[in-house]
C-alpha atoms as a PDB file:
ATOM      1  CA  UNK A   1      15.507 -21.101  53.655  1.00  0.00           C
ATOM      2  CA  UNK A   2      12.307 -20.522  51.661  1.00  0.00           C
ATOM      3  CA  UNK A   3      10.899 -23.385  49.642  1.00  0.00           C
ATOM      4  CA  UNK A   4      11.615 -23.045  45.937  1.00  0.00           C
ATOM      5  CA  UNK A   5      11.751 -25.254  42.912  1.00  0.00           C
ATOM      6  CA  UNK A   6      13.969 -25.108  39.850  1.00  0.00           C
ATOM      7  CA  UNK A   7      12.092 -24.095  36.686  1.00  0.00           C
ATOM      8  CA  UNK A   8      13.832 -24.984  33.462  1.00  0.00           C
ATOM      9  CA  UNK A   9      12.310 -24.133  30.069  1.00  0.00           C
ATOM     10  CA  UNK A  10      14.024 -25.459  26.951  1.00  0.00           C
ATOM     11  CA  UNK A  11      13.153 -24.728  23.297  1.00  0.00           C
ATOM     12  CA  UNK A  12      14.876 -25.906  20.107  1.00  0.00           C
ATOM     13  CA  UNK A  13      16.944 -22.691  20.343  1.00  0.00           C
ATOM     14  CA  UNK A  14      18.250 -23.487  23.833  1.00  0.00           C
ATOM     15  CA  UNK A  15      17.462 -22.819  27.473  1.00  0.00           C
ATOM     16  CA  UNK A  16      15.056 -19.898  27.845  1.00  0.00           C
ATOM     17  CA  UNK A  17      14.636 -19.983  31.618  1.00  0.00           C
ATOM     18  CA  UNK A  18      16.591 -21.721  34.396  1.00  0.00           C
ATOM     19  CA  UNK A  19      15.945 -20.246  37.851  1.00  0.00           C
ATOM     20  CA  UNK A  20      14.615 -21.043  41.299  1.00  0.00           C
ATOM     21  CA  UNK A  21      10.980 -19.949  41.680  1.00  0.00           C
ATOM     22  CA  UNK A  22       8.287 -20.055  44.349  1.00  0.00           C
ATOM     23  CA  UNK A  23       5.593 -21.491  42.066  1.00  0.00           C
ATOM     24  CA  UNK A  24       4.557 -21.838  38.446  1.00  0.00           C
ATOM     25  CA  UNK A  25       1.133 -22.055  36.794  1.00  0.00           C
ATOM     26  CA  UNK A  26       1.042 -24.095  33.574  1.00  0.00           C
ATOM     27  CA  UNK A  27      -1.466 -24.725  30.744  1.00  0.00           C
ATOM     28  CA  UNK A  28      -1.767 -28.526  30.733  1.00  0.00           C
ATOM     29  CA  UNK A  29      -3.997 -30.656  28.514  1.00  0.00           C
ATOM     30  CA  UNK A  30      -6.326 -31.246  31.458  1.00  0.00           C
ATOM     31  CA  UNK A  31      -6.464 -27.560  32.369  1.00  0.00           C
ATOM     32  CA  UNK A  32      -4.389 -25.019  34.209  1.00  0.00           C
ATOM     33  CA  UNK A  33      -2.289 -26.404  37.045  1.00  0.00           C
ATOM     34  CA  UNK A  34      -0.252 -24.781  39.770  1.00  0.00           C
ATOM     35  CA  UNK A  35       3.023 -26.336  40.854  1.00  0.00           C
ATOM     36  CA  UNK A  36       4.583 -25.589  44.232  1.00  0.00           C
ATOM     37  CA  UNK A  37       7.676 -27.124  45.857  1.00  0.00           C
ATOM     38  CA  UNK A  38       7.191 -30.750  46.885  1.00  0.00           C
ATOM     39  CA  UNK A  39       4.563 -31.297  44.173  1.00  0.00           C
ATOM     40  CA  UNK A  40       3.744 -34.902  43.382  1.00  0.00           C
ATOM     41  CA  UNK A  41       5.857 -36.164  40.430  1.00  0.00           C
ATOM     42  CA  UNK A  42       4.078 -36.173  37.071  1.00  0.00           C
ATOM     43  CA  UNK A  43       4.538 -35.898  33.335  1.00  0.00           C
ATOM     44  CA  UNK A  44       1.946 -34.260  31.131  1.00  0.00           C
ATOM     45  CA  UNK A  45       1.491 -32.466  27.851  1.00  0.00           C
ATOM     46  CA  UNK A  46       1.397 -28.674  27.665  1.00  0.00           C
ATOM     47  CA  UNK A  47      -0.942 -26.798  25.336  1.00  0.00           C
ATOM     48  CA  UNK A  48      -0.269 -23.334  23.913  1.00  0.00           C
ATOM     49  CA  UNK A  49      -1.042 -20.675  26.471  1.00  0.00           C
ATOM     50  CA  UNK A  50       0.605 -18.675  29.187  1.00  0.00           C
ATOM     51  CA  UNK A  51       2.568 -19.598  32.243  1.00  0.00           C
ATOM     52  CA  UNK A  52       2.830 -17.525  35.360  1.00  0.00           C
ATOM     53  CA  UNK A  53       6.083 -17.688  37.308  1.00  0.00           C
ATOM     54  CA  UNK A  54       6.143 -16.398  40.892  1.00  0.00           C
ATOM     55  CA  UNK A  55       9.604 -15.312  41.935  1.00  0.00           C
ATOM     56  CA  UNK A  56      10.507 -12.951  44.751  1.00  0.00           C
ATOM     57  CA  UNK A  57       6.822 -12.312  45.403  1.00  0.00           C
ATOM     58  CA  UNK A  58       6.237 -11.018  41.858  1.00  0.00           C
ATOM     59  CA  UNK A  59       4.501 -12.676  38.919  1.00  0.00           C
ATOM     60  CA  UNK A  60       6.193 -12.966  35.519  1.00  0.00           C
ATOM     61  CA  UNK A  61       4.416 -14.150  32.371  1.00  0.00           C
ATOM     62  CA  UNK A  62       5.586 -16.133  29.349  1.00  0.00           C
ATOM     63  CA  UNK A  63       3.736 -17.173  26.194  1.00  0.00           C
ATOM     64  CA  UNK A  64       4.213 -20.887  25.605  1.00  0.00           C
ATOM     65  CA  UNK A  65       3.718 -23.250  22.712  1.00  0.00           C
ATOM     66  CA  UNK A  66       3.063 -26.972  22.823  1.00  0.00           C
ATOM     67  CA  UNK A  67       5.349 -29.210  24.802  1.00  0.00           C
ATOM     68  CA  UNK A  68       5.991 -31.652  27.598  1.00  0.00           C
ATOM     69  CA  UNK A  69       6.117 -30.958  31.325  1.00  0.00           C
ATOM     70  CA  UNK A  70       7.986 -33.051  33.886  1.00  0.00           C
ATOM     71  CA  UNK A  71       7.441 -32.256  37.566  1.00  0.00           C
ATOM     72  CA  UNK A  72       9.408 -33.682  40.470  1.00  0.00           C
ATOM     73  CA  UNK A  73       9.361 -32.513  44.075  1.00  0.00           C
ATOM     74  CA  UNK A  74      11.872 -29.729  43.476  1.00  0.00           C
ATOM     75  CA  UNK A  75      12.094 -29.352  39.688  1.00  0.00           C
ATOM     76  CA  UNK A  76       9.848 -28.445  36.734  1.00  0.00           C
ATOM     77  CA  UNK A  77      11.288 -29.141  33.289  1.00  0.00           C
ATOM     78  CA  UNK A  78       9.445 -27.917  30.203  1.00  0.00           C
ATOM     79  CA  UNK A  79      10.366 -28.850  26.640  1.00  0.00           C
ATOM     80  CA  UNK A  80       8.439 -26.622  24.244  1.00  0.00           C
ATOM     81  CA  UNK A  81       8.471 -25.271  20.705  1.00  0.00           C
ATOM     82  CA  UNK A  82       7.953 -21.676  21.914  1.00  0.00           C
ATOM     83  CA  UNK A  83       8.634 -19.708  25.100  1.00  0.00           C
ATOM     84  CA  UNK A  84       8.570 -15.914  24.951  1.00  0.00           C
ATOM     85  CA  UNK A  85       8.769 -13.652  28.020  1.00  0.00           C
ATOM     86  CA  UNK A  86       6.110 -10.915  28.033  1.00  0.00           C
ATOM     87  CA  UNK A  87       8.651  -8.135  27.547  1.00  0.00           C
ATOM     88  CA  UNK A  88       9.943  -9.752  24.327  1.00  0.00           C
ATOM     89  CA  UNK A  89       6.564 -10.189  22.623  1.00  0.00           C
ATOM     90  CA  UNK A  90       6.049  -8.090  19.500  1.00  0.00           C
ATOM     91  CA  UNK A  91       2.317  -7.291  19.570  1.00  0.00           C
ATOM     92  CA  UNK A  92       2.248  -6.154  15.928  1.00  0.00           C
ATOM     93  CA  UNK A  93       3.774  -9.420  14.671  1.00  0.00           C
ATOM     94  CA  UNK A  94       1.542 -11.529  16.920  1.00  0.00           C
ATOM     95  CA  UNK A  95      -1.587  -9.689  15.766  1.00  0.00           C
ATOM     96  CA  UNK A  96      -0.573 -10.018  12.095  1.00  0.00           C
ATOM     97  CA  UNK A  97      -0.011 -13.758  12.588  1.00  0.00           C
ATOM     98  CA  UNK A  98      -3.379 -14.089  14.330  1.00  0.00           C
ATOM     99  CA  UNK A  99      -5.175 -12.334  11.460  1.00  0.00           C
ATOM    100  CA  UNK A 100      -3.308 -14.352   8.831  1.00  0.00           C
ATOM    101  CA  UNK A 101      -4.111 -17.698  10.492  1.00  0.00           C
ATOM    102  CA  UNK A 102      -7.722 -16.703  11.145  1.00  0.00           C
ATOM    103  CA  UNK A 103      -8.149 -15.843   7.445  1.00  0.00           C
ATOM    104  CA  UNK A 104      -6.650 -19.201   6.444  1.00  0.00           C
ATOM    105  CA  UNK A 105      -9.344 -21.026   8.409  1.00  0.00           C
ATOM    106  CA  UNK A 106     -11.852 -19.740   5.826  1.00  0.00           C
ATOM    107  CA  UNK A 107      -9.960 -21.486   3.015  1.00  0.00           C
ATOM    108  CA  UNK A 108     -10.437 -25.064   1.894  1.00  0.00           C
ATOM    109  CA  UNK A 109      -7.810 -26.912   3.941  1.00  0.00           C
ATOM    110  CA  UNK A 110      -6.912 -30.510   4.638  1.00  0.00           C
ATOM    111  CA  UNK A 111      -7.303 -31.827   8.188  1.00  0.00           C
ATOM    112  CA  UNK A 112      -3.531 -31.513   8.712  1.00  0.00           C
ATOM    113  CA  UNK A 113      -3.520 -27.929   7.482  1.00  0.00           C
ATOM    114  CA  UNK A 114      -6.427 -27.067   9.795  1.00  0.00           C
ATOM    115  CA  UNK A 115      -4.515 -28.563  12.743  1.00  0.00           C
ATOM    116  CA  UNK A 116      -1.393 -26.605  11.815  1.00  0.00           C
ATOM    117  CA  UNK A 117      -3.321 -23.341  11.416  1.00  0.00           C
ATOM    118  CA  UNK A 118      -5.128 -23.889  14.738  1.00  0.00           C
ATOM    119  CA  UNK A 119      -1.804 -24.525  16.464  1.00  0.00           C
ATOM    120  CA  UNK A 120      -0.272 -21.341  15.004  1.00  0.00           C
ATOM    121  CA  UNK A 121      -3.386 -19.403  15.936  1.00  0.00           C
ATOM    122  CA  UNK A 122      -3.196 -20.680  19.528  1.00  0.00           C
ATOM    123  CA  UNK A 123       0.443 -19.549  19.804  1.00  0.00           C
ATOM    124  CA  UNK A 124      -0.411 -16.064  18.484  1.00  0.00           C
ATOM    125  CA  UNK A 125      -3.336 -15.743  20.883  1.00  0.00           C
ATOM    126  CA  UNK A 126      -1.141 -16.860  23.791  1.00  0.00           C
ATOM    127  CA  UNK A 127       1.359 -14.111  22.981  1.00  0.00           C
ATOM    128  CA  UNK A 128      -1.371 -11.468  22.794  1.00  0.00           C
ATOM    129  CA  UNK A 129      -2.935 -12.602  26.117  1.00  0.00           C
ATOM    130  CA  UNK A 130       0.423 -12.561  27.887  1.00  0.00           C
ATOM    131  CA  UNK A 131       1.317  -9.122  26.548  1.00  0.00           C
ATOM    132  CA  UNK A 132      -2.065  -7.683  27.559  1.00  0.00           C
ATOM    133  CA  UNK A 133      -1.818  -9.221  31.053  1.00  0.00           C
ATOM    134  CA  UNK A 134       1.702  -7.892  31.612  1.00  0.00           C
ATOM    135  CA  UNK A 135       0.528  -4.323  30.927  1.00  0.00           C
ATOM    136  CA  UNK A 136      -1.828  -4.381  33.938  1.00  0.00           C
END
């Protein structure tokens, strides 16, 4: 039996992904990390970006928001505010959001507003990167 691990991704809207996979690459706060079966247990914070899921020898991509990652030897659990598979990303909406947030950075904003705009901008950019990658 091939080595796999259970990948579970949960957003406020429910479970987005719950399948056995061969590996997953995640955007952690300390950089990108690859998780294979029998990985050392850890908990870390996820930053907006993309994850790569290897299943059946093929790579699948998802745009991710901020969240928490828990890794055990045979399980990866992700709690996040956004998880969108590449095929569900609307490029027009993501590009409009990116332009809107970029324009807001030129306005006079409080520190909290700047943080919020940067977070929204990072999520839009993650969606655009994932969509572009999935086309290749």
